N, C-alpha and C. Protein backbone atom coordinates (compact mmCIF):
# COMPACT_ATOMS: atom_id res chain seq x y z
N MET A 1 -30.56 -36.72 -5.21
CA MET A 1 -30.15 -35.59 -4.32
C MET A 1 -29.58 -36.22 -2.97
N SER A 2 -28.47 -35.73 -2.53
CA SER A 2 -27.86 -36.17 -1.37
C SER A 2 -28.62 -35.69 -0.11
N VAL A 3 -28.27 -36.45 1.12
CA VAL A 3 -28.92 -35.98 2.38
C VAL A 3 -28.46 -34.59 2.67
N LEU A 4 -27.18 -34.30 2.48
CA LEU A 4 -26.76 -32.90 2.73
C LEU A 4 -27.37 -31.86 1.89
N SER A 5 -27.66 -32.11 0.69
CA SER A 5 -28.21 -31.16 -0.16
C SER A 5 -29.64 -30.90 0.35
N LEU A 6 -30.30 -32.08 0.55
CA LEU A 6 -31.75 -31.86 0.94
C LEU A 6 -31.78 -31.14 2.24
N LEU A 7 -30.86 -31.23 3.20
CA LEU A 7 -30.84 -30.44 4.51
C LEU A 7 -30.55 -29.06 4.21
N ASP A 8 -29.82 -28.77 3.16
CA ASP A 8 -29.42 -27.37 2.82
C ASP A 8 -30.74 -26.69 2.22
N TYR A 9 -31.29 -27.36 1.20
CA TYR A 9 -32.60 -26.84 0.68
C TYR A 9 -33.66 -26.52 1.78
N THR A 10 -33.79 -27.56 2.61
CA THR A 10 -34.85 -27.40 3.68
C THR A 10 -34.61 -26.17 4.64
N SER A 11 -33.25 -26.17 5.04
CA SER A 11 -32.83 -25.00 5.91
C SER A 11 -33.08 -23.62 5.37
N VAL A 12 -32.74 -23.55 4.10
CA VAL A 12 -32.89 -22.25 3.25
C VAL A 12 -34.29 -21.83 3.36
N ILE A 13 -35.14 -22.80 2.92
CA ILE A 13 -36.51 -22.43 2.85
C ILE A 13 -37.18 -21.97 4.08
N VAL A 14 -36.97 -22.72 5.23
CA VAL A 14 -37.69 -22.42 6.49
C VAL A 14 -37.01 -21.12 7.10
N PHE A 15 -35.54 -21.04 7.03
CA PHE A 15 -35.04 -19.88 7.57
C PHE A 15 -35.59 -18.64 6.73
N ALA A 16 -35.59 -18.80 5.55
CA ALA A 16 -36.01 -17.68 4.62
C ALA A 16 -37.41 -17.22 5.07
N LEU A 17 -38.30 -18.06 5.39
CA LEU A 17 -39.70 -17.74 5.93
C LEU A 17 -39.56 -16.85 7.06
N THR A 18 -38.67 -17.15 7.94
CA THR A 18 -38.58 -16.33 9.22
C THR A 18 -38.00 -14.93 8.96
N GLY A 19 -37.09 -14.91 8.05
CA GLY A 19 -36.46 -13.68 7.52
C GLY A 19 -37.56 -12.68 7.08
N ALA A 20 -38.49 -13.46 6.14
CA ALA A 20 -39.51 -12.61 5.56
C ALA A 20 -40.52 -12.20 6.59
N LEU A 21 -40.76 -12.99 7.63
CA LEU A 21 -41.75 -12.53 8.64
C LEU A 21 -41.16 -11.43 9.59
N VAL A 22 -39.79 -11.50 9.71
CA VAL A 22 -39.16 -10.39 10.39
C VAL A 22 -39.37 -9.03 9.56
N ALA A 23 -39.24 -9.19 8.21
CA ALA A 23 -39.39 -8.08 7.40
C ALA A 23 -40.85 -7.52 7.41
N SER A 24 -41.90 -8.45 7.57
CA SER A 24 -43.27 -7.97 7.64
C SER A 24 -43.40 -7.16 8.90
N ARG A 25 -42.77 -7.64 10.06
CA ARG A 25 -42.87 -6.88 11.25
C ARG A 25 -42.39 -5.52 11.33
N ALA A 26 -41.26 -5.32 10.30
CA ALA A 26 -40.66 -4.06 10.04
C ALA A 26 -41.40 -3.25 8.97
N GLN A 27 -42.37 -3.78 8.39
CA GLN A 27 -43.14 -3.20 7.33
C GLN A 27 -42.28 -2.78 6.20
N LEU A 28 -41.57 -3.82 5.63
CA LEU A 28 -40.67 -3.42 4.43
C LEU A 28 -41.34 -3.72 3.23
N ASP A 29 -40.68 -3.22 2.00
CA ASP A 29 -41.24 -3.56 0.75
C ASP A 29 -40.91 -4.92 0.29
N ILE A 30 -41.36 -5.35 -0.82
CA ILE A 30 -41.04 -6.70 -1.43
C ILE A 30 -39.57 -6.99 -1.56
N VAL A 31 -38.77 -5.99 -1.84
CA VAL A 31 -37.38 -6.08 -2.05
C VAL A 31 -36.81 -6.32 -0.69
N GLY A 32 -37.20 -5.63 0.39
CA GLY A 32 -36.74 -5.77 1.62
C GLY A 32 -37.09 -7.25 2.19
N PHE A 33 -38.27 -7.65 1.87
CA PHE A 33 -38.60 -9.05 2.07
C PHE A 33 -37.65 -10.12 1.59
N ALA A 34 -37.35 -9.91 0.24
CA ALA A 34 -36.42 -10.84 -0.38
C ALA A 34 -35.05 -10.73 0.18
N PHE A 35 -34.63 -9.61 0.40
CA PHE A 35 -33.26 -9.45 1.05
C PHE A 35 -33.16 -10.09 2.30
N LEU A 36 -34.12 -9.89 3.12
CA LEU A 36 -33.86 -10.43 4.59
C LEU A 36 -34.14 -11.97 4.54
N ALA A 37 -35.05 -12.45 3.56
CA ALA A 37 -35.31 -13.92 3.44
C ALA A 37 -34.04 -14.62 3.04
N CYS A 38 -33.37 -14.01 1.83
CA CYS A 38 -32.18 -14.69 1.37
C CYS A 38 -31.03 -14.55 2.34
N LEU A 39 -30.82 -13.40 3.09
CA LEU A 39 -29.82 -13.25 4.03
C LEU A 39 -29.91 -14.26 5.21
N THR A 40 -31.28 -14.54 5.72
CA THR A 40 -31.45 -15.43 6.69
C THR A 40 -31.22 -16.84 6.30
N GLY A 41 -31.82 -17.15 5.11
CA GLY A 41 -31.71 -18.50 4.48
C GLY A 41 -30.33 -19.03 4.17
N LEU A 42 -29.56 -18.03 3.74
CA LEU A 42 -28.30 -18.33 3.10
C LEU A 42 -27.04 -17.87 3.92
N GLY A 43 -27.28 -16.97 4.88
CA GLY A 43 -26.24 -16.49 5.68
C GLY A 43 -25.35 -17.46 6.40
N GLY A 44 -25.88 -18.44 7.11
CA GLY A 44 -25.10 -19.28 7.87
C GLY A 44 -24.49 -20.38 6.95
N GLY A 45 -25.07 -20.78 6.02
CA GLY A 45 -24.34 -21.66 4.94
C GLY A 45 -23.27 -21.07 4.31
N THR A 46 -23.49 -19.75 3.92
CA THR A 46 -22.33 -19.07 3.19
C THR A 46 -21.10 -18.81 4.10
N LEU A 47 -21.45 -18.49 5.34
CA LEU A 47 -20.34 -18.35 6.24
C LEU A 47 -19.57 -19.78 6.48
N ARG A 48 -20.27 -20.81 6.62
CA ARG A 48 -19.69 -22.20 6.73
C ARG A 48 -18.83 -22.51 5.55
N ASP A 49 -19.31 -22.20 4.31
CA ASP A 49 -18.63 -22.59 2.99
C ASP A 49 -17.32 -21.74 3.00
N LEU A 50 -17.39 -20.42 3.45
CA LEU A 50 -16.24 -19.61 3.24
C LEU A 50 -15.08 -19.95 4.24
N LEU A 51 -15.63 -20.49 5.47
CA LEU A 51 -14.67 -20.85 6.47
C LEU A 51 -14.00 -22.22 6.03
N LEU A 52 -14.73 -22.96 5.27
CA LEU A 52 -14.17 -24.27 4.79
C LEU A 52 -13.42 -24.16 3.42
N ASP A 53 -13.39 -22.82 3.04
CA ASP A 53 -12.72 -22.57 1.67
C ASP A 53 -13.39 -23.23 0.48
N ARG A 54 -14.61 -23.10 0.57
CA ARG A 54 -15.56 -23.62 -0.54
C ARG A 54 -16.41 -22.57 -1.02
N ALA A 55 -16.77 -22.73 -2.34
CA ALA A 55 -17.71 -21.70 -2.91
C ALA A 55 -19.03 -21.86 -2.31
N PRO A 56 -19.66 -20.75 -1.90
CA PRO A 56 -20.94 -20.72 -1.24
C PRO A 56 -21.89 -21.54 -2.16
N ILE A 57 -22.78 -22.19 -1.49
CA ILE A 57 -23.80 -23.23 -2.15
C ILE A 57 -24.57 -22.42 -3.23
N TRP A 58 -25.08 -21.29 -2.98
CA TRP A 58 -25.94 -20.61 -3.95
C TRP A 58 -25.25 -20.00 -5.21
N MET A 59 -23.82 -20.05 -5.17
CA MET A 59 -23.22 -19.65 -6.29
C MET A 59 -23.05 -20.74 -7.40
N GLY A 60 -22.92 -22.05 -6.73
CA GLY A 60 -23.07 -23.17 -7.77
C GLY A 60 -24.34 -23.63 -8.17
N ASP A 61 -25.41 -23.15 -7.29
CA ASP A 61 -26.78 -23.54 -7.56
C ASP A 61 -27.74 -22.34 -7.20
N PRO A 62 -28.01 -21.54 -8.27
CA PRO A 62 -28.86 -20.38 -7.88
C PRO A 62 -30.25 -20.87 -7.47
N THR A 63 -30.68 -22.07 -7.39
CA THR A 63 -32.01 -22.51 -6.94
C THR A 63 -32.12 -21.98 -5.49
N TYR A 64 -31.11 -22.00 -4.79
CA TYR A 64 -31.09 -21.47 -3.33
C TYR A 64 -31.76 -20.05 -3.26
N LEU A 65 -31.21 -19.18 -4.09
CA LEU A 65 -31.68 -17.80 -4.25
C LEU A 65 -33.05 -17.79 -4.56
N ALA A 66 -33.50 -18.67 -5.55
CA ALA A 66 -34.88 -18.80 -6.06
C ALA A 66 -35.77 -19.06 -4.78
N LEU A 67 -35.34 -20.08 -4.06
CA LEU A 67 -36.24 -20.52 -2.98
C LEU A 67 -36.36 -19.43 -1.89
N GLY A 68 -35.23 -18.66 -1.62
CA GLY A 68 -35.32 -17.62 -0.68
C GLY A 68 -36.39 -16.49 -1.11
N CYS A 69 -36.21 -16.19 -2.44
CA CYS A 69 -37.18 -15.02 -2.99
C CYS A 69 -38.64 -15.63 -3.00
N ALA A 70 -38.72 -16.85 -3.23
CA ALA A 70 -40.12 -17.49 -3.30
C ALA A 70 -40.71 -17.37 -1.97
N ALA A 71 -39.92 -17.73 -0.97
CA ALA A 71 -40.46 -17.63 0.43
C ALA A 71 -40.79 -16.30 0.79
N ALA A 72 -40.13 -15.28 0.31
CA ALA A 72 -40.37 -13.95 0.71
C ALA A 72 -41.77 -13.48 -0.02
N VAL A 73 -42.00 -13.87 -1.38
CA VAL A 73 -43.23 -13.53 -1.94
C VAL A 73 -44.43 -14.16 -1.10
N VAL A 74 -44.27 -15.48 -0.87
CA VAL A 74 -45.38 -16.14 -0.10
C VAL A 74 -45.73 -15.33 1.20
N VAL A 75 -44.77 -15.11 1.95
CA VAL A 75 -44.96 -14.30 3.35
C VAL A 75 -45.50 -12.96 2.99
N PHE A 76 -45.11 -12.34 2.00
CA PHE A 76 -45.54 -10.85 1.57
C PHE A 76 -47.02 -10.92 1.51
N PHE A 77 -47.48 -11.86 1.00
CA PHE A 77 -49.14 -11.85 0.79
C PHE A 77 -49.84 -12.72 1.78
N THR A 78 -49.12 -13.33 2.72
CA THR A 78 -49.83 -14.03 3.72
C THR A 78 -49.46 -13.72 5.18
N ALA A 79 -48.58 -12.86 5.50
CA ALA A 79 -48.22 -12.58 6.76
C ALA A 79 -49.26 -12.11 7.65
N HIS A 80 -50.32 -11.41 7.02
CA HIS A 80 -51.41 -10.75 7.81
C HIS A 80 -52.26 -11.88 8.40
N LEU A 81 -52.14 -13.15 7.97
CA LEU A 81 -52.96 -14.34 8.60
C LEU A 81 -52.57 -14.77 9.80
N PHE A 82 -51.32 -14.47 10.13
CA PHE A 82 -50.75 -14.98 11.50
C PHE A 82 -51.35 -14.10 12.60
N GLU A 83 -51.86 -14.78 13.66
CA GLU A 83 -52.38 -14.15 14.77
C GLU A 83 -51.19 -13.50 15.55
N SER A 84 -50.03 -14.17 15.69
CA SER A 84 -48.82 -13.68 16.30
C SER A 84 -47.70 -14.16 15.41
N ARG A 85 -47.07 -13.11 14.77
CA ARG A 85 -46.06 -13.31 13.73
C ARG A 85 -44.75 -13.64 14.59
N TYR A 86 -44.62 -13.15 15.77
CA TYR A 86 -43.46 -13.37 16.63
C TYR A 86 -43.33 -14.84 16.92
N ARG A 87 -44.52 -15.29 17.36
CA ARG A 87 -44.79 -16.68 17.81
C ARG A 87 -44.34 -17.67 16.66
N ALA A 88 -44.75 -17.21 15.38
CA ALA A 88 -44.55 -18.09 14.15
C ALA A 88 -42.99 -18.02 13.86
N ILE A 89 -42.39 -16.84 13.99
CA ILE A 89 -40.91 -16.76 13.76
C ILE A 89 -40.14 -17.73 14.83
N LEU A 90 -40.60 -17.68 16.00
CA LEU A 90 -40.03 -18.58 17.01
C LEU A 90 -39.91 -20.10 16.66
N TRP A 91 -41.18 -20.53 16.30
CA TRP A 91 -41.34 -21.99 15.97
C TRP A 91 -40.77 -22.22 14.64
N LEU A 92 -40.91 -21.42 13.55
CA LEU A 92 -40.31 -21.74 12.39
C LEU A 92 -38.84 -21.78 12.49
N ASP A 93 -38.23 -20.78 13.28
CA ASP A 93 -36.81 -20.74 13.51
C ASP A 93 -36.37 -22.03 14.37
N ALA A 94 -37.15 -22.57 15.16
CA ALA A 94 -36.95 -23.89 15.90
C ALA A 94 -37.03 -25.01 14.99
N LEU A 95 -37.73 -24.98 13.91
CA LEU A 95 -37.69 -26.08 12.96
C LEU A 95 -36.46 -25.88 12.01
N ALA A 96 -36.11 -24.64 11.64
CA ALA A 96 -34.96 -24.46 10.68
C ALA A 96 -33.65 -24.81 11.44
N LEU A 97 -33.55 -24.54 12.65
CA LEU A 97 -32.26 -24.61 13.29
C LEU A 97 -31.73 -26.00 13.41
N PRO A 98 -32.44 -27.12 13.66
CA PRO A 98 -31.94 -28.40 13.61
C PRO A 98 -31.45 -28.86 12.27
N VAL A 99 -32.23 -28.36 11.28
CA VAL A 99 -31.81 -28.75 9.91
C VAL A 99 -30.61 -28.18 9.52
N ALA A 100 -30.40 -26.91 9.83
CA ALA A 100 -29.16 -26.14 9.48
C ALA A 100 -28.05 -26.65 10.16
N VAL A 101 -28.22 -27.01 11.40
CA VAL A 101 -27.01 -27.58 12.23
C VAL A 101 -26.68 -28.92 11.75
N ALA A 102 -27.55 -29.77 11.41
CA ALA A 102 -27.15 -30.99 10.66
C ALA A 102 -26.60 -30.88 9.34
N ALA A 103 -26.88 -29.82 8.61
CA ALA A 103 -26.31 -29.66 7.44
C ALA A 103 -24.82 -29.16 7.59
N GLY A 104 -24.63 -28.27 8.47
CA GLY A 104 -23.20 -27.74 8.62
C GLY A 104 -22.28 -28.67 9.27
N ALA A 105 -22.81 -29.30 10.28
CA ALA A 105 -22.00 -30.41 10.93
C ALA A 105 -21.73 -31.44 9.97
N GLY A 106 -22.80 -31.81 9.24
CA GLY A 106 -22.70 -32.94 8.16
C GLY A 106 -21.70 -32.74 7.12
N VAL A 107 -21.58 -31.36 6.63
CA VAL A 107 -20.53 -31.12 5.69
C VAL A 107 -19.21 -31.18 6.25
N ALA A 108 -18.91 -30.78 7.30
CA ALA A 108 -17.63 -30.85 8.00
C ALA A 108 -17.20 -32.37 8.28
N ALA A 109 -18.22 -33.19 8.71
CA ALA A 109 -17.99 -34.69 8.93
C ALA A 109 -17.73 -35.30 7.60
N SER A 110 -18.38 -34.91 6.72
CA SER A 110 -18.04 -35.56 5.19
C SER A 110 -16.64 -35.28 4.56
N LEU A 111 -16.07 -34.10 5.23
CA LEU A 111 -14.80 -33.80 4.93
C LEU A 111 -13.75 -34.46 5.86
N GLU A 112 -14.17 -35.20 6.83
CA GLU A 112 -13.41 -35.94 7.74
C GLU A 112 -12.54 -34.88 8.55
N LEU A 113 -13.12 -33.75 8.88
CA LEU A 113 -12.45 -32.82 9.71
C LEU A 113 -12.54 -33.19 11.32
N PRO A 114 -11.71 -32.75 11.94
CA PRO A 114 -11.64 -33.02 13.50
C PRO A 114 -13.03 -32.73 14.19
N TRP A 115 -13.37 -33.31 15.21
CA TRP A 115 -14.68 -33.14 15.80
C TRP A 115 -14.90 -31.68 16.32
N PRO A 116 -13.90 -31.01 16.74
CA PRO A 116 -14.23 -29.60 17.14
C PRO A 116 -14.57 -28.69 16.03
N ILE A 117 -13.97 -28.91 14.77
CA ILE A 117 -14.43 -28.28 13.70
C ILE A 117 -15.87 -28.70 13.09
N ILE A 118 -16.15 -29.93 13.38
CA ILE A 118 -17.58 -30.32 13.05
C ILE A 118 -18.57 -29.60 13.93
N VAL A 119 -18.39 -29.44 15.20
CA VAL A 119 -19.14 -28.77 16.23
C VAL A 119 -19.28 -27.28 15.83
N VAL A 120 -18.22 -26.64 15.52
CA VAL A 120 -18.16 -25.21 15.21
C VAL A 120 -18.96 -24.97 13.93
N MET A 121 -18.80 -25.83 12.96
CA MET A 121 -19.44 -25.70 11.62
C MET A 121 -20.95 -25.83 11.83
N GLY A 122 -21.42 -26.63 12.69
CA GLY A 122 -22.73 -26.87 12.92
C GLY A 122 -23.39 -25.55 13.60
N ILE A 123 -22.67 -25.18 14.52
CA ILE A 123 -23.05 -23.80 15.25
C ILE A 123 -23.07 -22.59 14.21
N VAL A 124 -22.06 -22.43 13.46
CA VAL A 124 -22.00 -21.44 12.48
C VAL A 124 -23.24 -21.49 11.47
N THR A 125 -23.44 -22.56 10.94
CA THR A 125 -24.52 -22.75 10.03
C THR A 125 -25.87 -22.58 10.53
N GLY A 126 -25.98 -23.13 11.77
CA GLY A 126 -27.35 -22.94 12.46
C GLY A 126 -27.75 -21.56 12.96
N CYS A 127 -26.56 -20.89 13.44
CA CYS A 127 -26.80 -19.59 14.06
C CYS A 127 -26.65 -18.37 13.19
N GLY A 128 -25.70 -18.51 12.27
CA GLY A 128 -25.30 -17.43 11.47
C GLY A 128 -26.47 -16.66 10.81
N GLY A 129 -27.27 -17.23 10.07
CA GLY A 129 -28.30 -16.62 9.29
C GLY A 129 -29.33 -15.81 10.17
N GLY A 130 -29.79 -16.47 11.24
CA GLY A 130 -30.71 -15.78 12.22
C GLY A 130 -29.94 -14.63 12.82
N LEU A 131 -28.73 -14.77 13.27
CA LEU A 131 -28.08 -13.66 13.83
C LEU A 131 -28.00 -12.44 12.89
N MET A 132 -27.64 -12.62 11.63
CA MET A 132 -27.67 -11.58 10.58
C MET A 132 -28.98 -10.92 10.47
N ARG A 133 -29.97 -11.83 10.38
CA ARG A 133 -31.35 -11.30 10.19
C ARG A 133 -31.70 -10.39 11.28
N ASP A 134 -31.49 -10.75 12.58
CA ASP A 134 -31.96 -9.96 13.67
C ASP A 134 -31.11 -8.62 13.88
N VAL A 135 -29.74 -8.64 13.43
CA VAL A 135 -28.91 -7.49 13.54
C VAL A 135 -29.38 -6.54 12.46
N VAL A 136 -29.63 -7.02 11.26
CA VAL A 136 -30.01 -6.10 10.18
C VAL A 136 -31.41 -5.51 10.49
N ALA A 137 -32.39 -6.28 10.94
CA ALA A 137 -33.63 -5.83 11.28
C ALA A 137 -33.71 -5.02 12.67
N ASN A 138 -32.63 -4.80 13.37
CA ASN A 138 -32.49 -4.06 14.54
C ASN A 138 -33.28 -4.65 15.74
N GLU A 139 -33.31 -5.90 15.72
CA GLU A 139 -33.93 -6.70 16.89
C GLU A 139 -32.84 -7.45 17.77
N VAL A 140 -33.40 -7.60 19.00
CA VAL A 140 -32.31 -8.41 19.86
C VAL A 140 -32.29 -9.88 19.30
N PRO A 141 -30.93 -10.27 18.89
CA PRO A 141 -30.86 -11.49 18.32
C PRO A 141 -31.30 -12.67 19.30
N LEU A 142 -32.11 -13.59 18.55
CA LEU A 142 -32.50 -14.81 19.54
C LEU A 142 -31.34 -15.52 20.14
N VAL A 143 -30.21 -15.63 19.41
CA VAL A 143 -28.95 -16.19 20.22
C VAL A 143 -28.53 -15.62 21.28
N LEU A 144 -28.94 -14.45 21.55
CA LEU A 144 -28.31 -13.65 22.54
C LEU A 144 -29.45 -13.32 23.71
N LYS A 145 -30.61 -13.89 23.68
CA LYS A 145 -31.60 -13.52 24.45
C LYS A 145 -31.27 -14.20 25.93
N GLN A 146 -31.57 -13.49 26.94
CA GLN A 146 -31.07 -13.81 28.26
C GLN A 146 -31.43 -15.32 28.71
N GLY A 147 -30.45 -16.26 28.79
CA GLY A 147 -30.79 -17.57 29.30
C GLY A 147 -31.32 -18.48 28.17
N GLU A 148 -31.73 -17.97 27.05
CA GLU A 148 -32.40 -18.74 26.14
C GLU A 148 -31.54 -19.91 25.50
N LEU A 149 -32.08 -21.05 25.33
CA LEU A 149 -31.26 -22.20 24.73
C LEU A 149 -31.37 -22.02 23.23
N TYR A 150 -30.21 -21.56 22.73
CA TYR A 150 -30.17 -21.52 21.25
C TYR A 150 -28.86 -22.00 20.76
N VAL A 151 -27.78 -21.21 20.87
CA VAL A 151 -26.42 -21.70 20.61
C VAL A 151 -26.24 -23.03 21.40
N THR A 152 -26.78 -23.18 22.60
CA THR A 152 -26.63 -24.42 23.18
C THR A 152 -27.21 -25.62 22.60
N CYS A 153 -28.28 -25.42 21.93
CA CYS A 153 -28.93 -26.51 21.17
C CYS A 153 -28.15 -26.86 19.99
N ALA A 154 -27.47 -25.92 19.34
CA ALA A 154 -26.69 -26.10 18.16
C ALA A 154 -25.41 -26.96 18.55
N LEU A 155 -24.85 -26.52 19.67
CA LEU A 155 -23.60 -27.11 20.24
C LEU A 155 -23.95 -28.68 20.64
N ALA A 156 -25.02 -28.87 21.26
CA ALA A 156 -25.47 -30.24 21.67
C ALA A 156 -25.79 -31.10 20.48
N GLY A 157 -26.44 -30.59 19.52
CA GLY A 157 -26.78 -31.20 18.25
C GLY A 157 -25.58 -31.56 17.45
N SER A 158 -24.74 -30.64 17.25
CA SER A 158 -23.40 -30.87 16.56
C SER A 158 -22.51 -31.97 17.21
N GLY A 159 -22.40 -31.95 18.59
CA GLY A 159 -21.88 -32.83 19.27
C GLY A 159 -22.34 -34.26 19.10
N ALA A 160 -23.65 -34.37 19.05
CA ALA A 160 -24.41 -35.63 18.77
C ALA A 160 -23.96 -36.23 17.48
N LEU A 161 -23.79 -35.37 16.35
CA LEU A 161 -23.55 -35.76 15.15
C LEU A 161 -22.05 -36.25 15.03
N ALA A 162 -21.20 -35.45 15.63
CA ALA A 162 -19.84 -35.83 15.73
C ALA A 162 -19.59 -37.18 16.35
N LEU A 163 -20.34 -37.45 17.45
CA LEU A 163 -20.17 -38.66 18.29
C LEU A 163 -20.76 -39.84 17.39
N ALA A 164 -22.03 -39.67 16.74
CA ALA A 164 -22.57 -40.62 16.00
C ALA A 164 -21.64 -40.98 14.75
N ALA A 165 -20.99 -39.93 14.10
CA ALA A 165 -20.15 -40.19 13.05
C ALA A 165 -18.84 -40.99 13.50
N TRP A 166 -18.29 -40.55 14.62
CA TRP A 166 -17.13 -41.23 15.16
C TRP A 166 -17.51 -42.71 15.57
N GLN A 167 -18.74 -43.08 15.92
CA GLN A 167 -19.10 -44.31 16.20
C GLN A 167 -19.32 -45.20 14.80
N GLY A 168 -19.28 -44.57 13.75
CA GLY A 168 -19.32 -45.14 12.47
C GLY A 168 -20.80 -45.36 12.09
N LEU A 169 -21.92 -44.65 12.61
CA LEU A 169 -23.27 -45.04 12.16
C LEU A 169 -23.48 -44.54 10.82
N PRO A 170 -24.17 -45.47 10.13
CA PRO A 170 -24.41 -44.96 8.61
C PRO A 170 -25.44 -43.82 8.58
N ALA A 171 -25.34 -43.09 7.38
CA ALA A 171 -26.23 -42.07 7.03
C ALA A 171 -27.73 -42.69 6.80
N PRO A 172 -28.71 -41.86 7.23
CA PRO A 172 -28.56 -40.49 7.75
C PRO A 172 -28.76 -40.49 9.34
N LEU A 173 -28.30 -41.59 10.02
CA LEU A 173 -28.49 -41.59 11.49
C LEU A 173 -27.84 -40.51 12.29
N PRO A 174 -26.52 -40.07 11.90
CA PRO A 174 -25.87 -38.95 12.54
C PRO A 174 -26.61 -37.69 12.40
N ALA A 175 -27.23 -37.36 11.21
CA ALA A 175 -27.97 -36.25 10.89
C ALA A 175 -29.26 -36.25 11.74
N LEU A 176 -29.84 -37.41 11.81
CA LEU A 176 -31.23 -37.49 12.56
C LEU A 176 -30.95 -37.24 14.04
N ALA A 177 -29.75 -37.95 14.54
CA ALA A 177 -29.49 -37.56 15.89
C ALA A 177 -29.15 -36.18 16.23
N CYS A 178 -28.57 -35.47 15.26
CA CYS A 178 -28.18 -34.10 15.49
C CYS A 178 -29.52 -33.26 15.63
N ALA A 179 -30.35 -33.47 14.55
CA ALA A 179 -31.64 -32.81 14.44
C ALA A 179 -32.58 -32.99 15.58
N GLY A 180 -32.58 -34.25 16.03
CA GLY A 180 -33.53 -34.64 17.25
C GLY A 180 -32.96 -33.94 18.45
N VAL A 181 -31.71 -33.98 18.72
CA VAL A 181 -31.19 -33.25 20.01
C VAL A 181 -31.33 -31.71 19.94
N THR A 182 -31.03 -31.18 18.65
CA THR A 182 -31.23 -29.71 18.53
C THR A 182 -32.62 -29.27 18.81
N PHE A 183 -33.52 -30.00 18.14
CA PHE A 183 -35.03 -29.55 18.25
C PHE A 183 -35.56 -29.76 19.67
N ALA A 184 -35.15 -30.88 20.24
CA ALA A 184 -35.73 -31.15 21.50
C ALA A 184 -35.45 -30.05 22.44
N LEU A 185 -34.14 -29.68 22.54
CA LEU A 185 -33.65 -28.61 23.33
C LEU A 185 -34.31 -27.25 23.07
N ARG A 186 -34.37 -26.95 21.88
CA ARG A 186 -34.93 -25.57 21.33
C ARG A 186 -36.47 -25.57 21.68
N ALA A 187 -37.09 -26.66 21.42
CA ALA A 187 -38.59 -26.68 21.71
C ALA A 187 -38.96 -26.69 23.21
N GLY A 188 -38.00 -27.25 23.96
CA GLY A 188 -38.16 -27.29 25.37
C GLY A 188 -37.97 -25.78 25.89
N SER A 189 -37.07 -25.15 25.35
CA SER A 189 -36.79 -23.69 25.72
C SER A 189 -37.97 -22.77 25.55
N ILE A 190 -38.57 -22.98 24.27
CA ILE A 190 -39.67 -22.14 23.91
C ILE A 190 -41.00 -22.59 24.73
N GLY A 191 -41.18 -23.90 24.65
CA GLY A 191 -42.59 -24.38 25.12
C GLY A 191 -42.52 -24.53 26.69
N PHE A 192 -41.34 -24.82 27.27
CA PHE A 192 -41.39 -25.13 28.78
C PHE A 192 -40.32 -24.09 29.57
N GLY A 193 -39.92 -23.26 28.79
CA GLY A 193 -39.14 -22.18 29.55
C GLY A 193 -37.83 -22.60 29.96
N TRP A 194 -37.15 -23.68 29.38
CA TRP A 194 -35.77 -24.07 29.72
C TRP A 194 -34.85 -23.04 29.51
N ARG A 195 -34.07 -22.79 30.57
CA ARG A 195 -33.01 -21.80 30.48
C ARG A 195 -31.62 -22.05 31.16
N LEU A 196 -30.66 -21.47 30.71
CA LEU A 196 -29.52 -21.72 31.31
C LEU A 196 -29.26 -20.56 32.43
N PRO A 197 -28.59 -20.77 33.53
CA PRO A 197 -28.44 -19.66 34.53
C PRO A 197 -27.52 -18.60 33.83
N VAL A 198 -28.00 -17.46 34.22
CA VAL A 198 -27.30 -16.17 33.73
C VAL A 198 -26.40 -15.56 34.79
N TYR A 199 -25.43 -14.72 34.36
CA TYR A 199 -24.59 -14.12 35.33
C TYR A 199 -25.29 -12.95 35.88
N LYS A 200 -25.14 -12.70 37.05
CA LYS A 200 -25.76 -11.57 37.92
C LYS A 200 -24.75 -10.92 38.75
N GLY A 201 -24.36 -9.69 38.30
CA GLY A 201 -23.36 -9.15 39.07
C GLY A 201 -23.77 -8.72 40.51
N ARG A 202 -22.80 -8.71 41.41
CA ARG A 202 -23.09 -8.22 42.71
C ARG A 202 -22.42 -6.92 42.99
N PRO A 203 -23.12 -5.95 43.61
CA PRO A 203 -22.52 -4.63 43.95
C PRO A 203 -21.29 -4.94 44.83
N PRO A 204 -20.29 -4.11 44.72
CA PRO A 204 -19.03 -4.24 45.59
C PRO A 204 -19.39 -3.95 47.01
N ARG A 205 -18.79 -4.62 47.82
CA ARG A 205 -19.09 -4.33 49.27
C ARG A 205 -18.56 -2.93 49.71
N TYR A 206 -19.52 -2.31 50.60
CA TYR A 206 -19.08 -0.92 50.96
C TYR A 206 -17.97 -0.97 52.00
N LYS A 207 -16.92 -0.18 51.70
CA LYS A 207 -15.84 -0.15 52.65
C LYS A 207 -15.79 1.36 53.29
N PRO A 208 -16.07 1.51 54.45
CA PRO A 208 -16.03 2.78 55.04
C PRO A 208 -14.63 3.33 55.12
């Protein structure tokens, strides 16, 4: 199994767990669990493959769908054990993000595409599934929460992979650099409250 395939499998499983946990918060049935799990686990990778004019990974290997459904079943019977399902979603998502970003940027790098495309593919793969999950579940998307480091993490991680690949570092060093940078920033945002400054509008000056 290649490094990129391993990254894809891992990101699908962990993101699928977050999708199923969101389904538990919405009190959906088992089919709803499976739908949200597969949408979250496969959404970013599917979007990446379509943009790169490739067949989505799950069409060539249905194992990805099976993994998403398996994650849904596991969470359906164990979600009640979590003291805070939202906290679990945050940290599982933080674990899945660096893996997915590394997978997306790694695929683009393996195709020898320009570095801006590598960066964009990393962001799309890392953020696409979670964005779809939150929109479908009618929750405020994590990627859009005020000042939260999320897309920034994917941007920095993808940039690290592009730089490492440009330097000619052997696999899996570029992927490790990407995952390390992405996770460090995301974990810092969750654990230490790291934020970006946000725009604050000012009222117009009063003119008598």
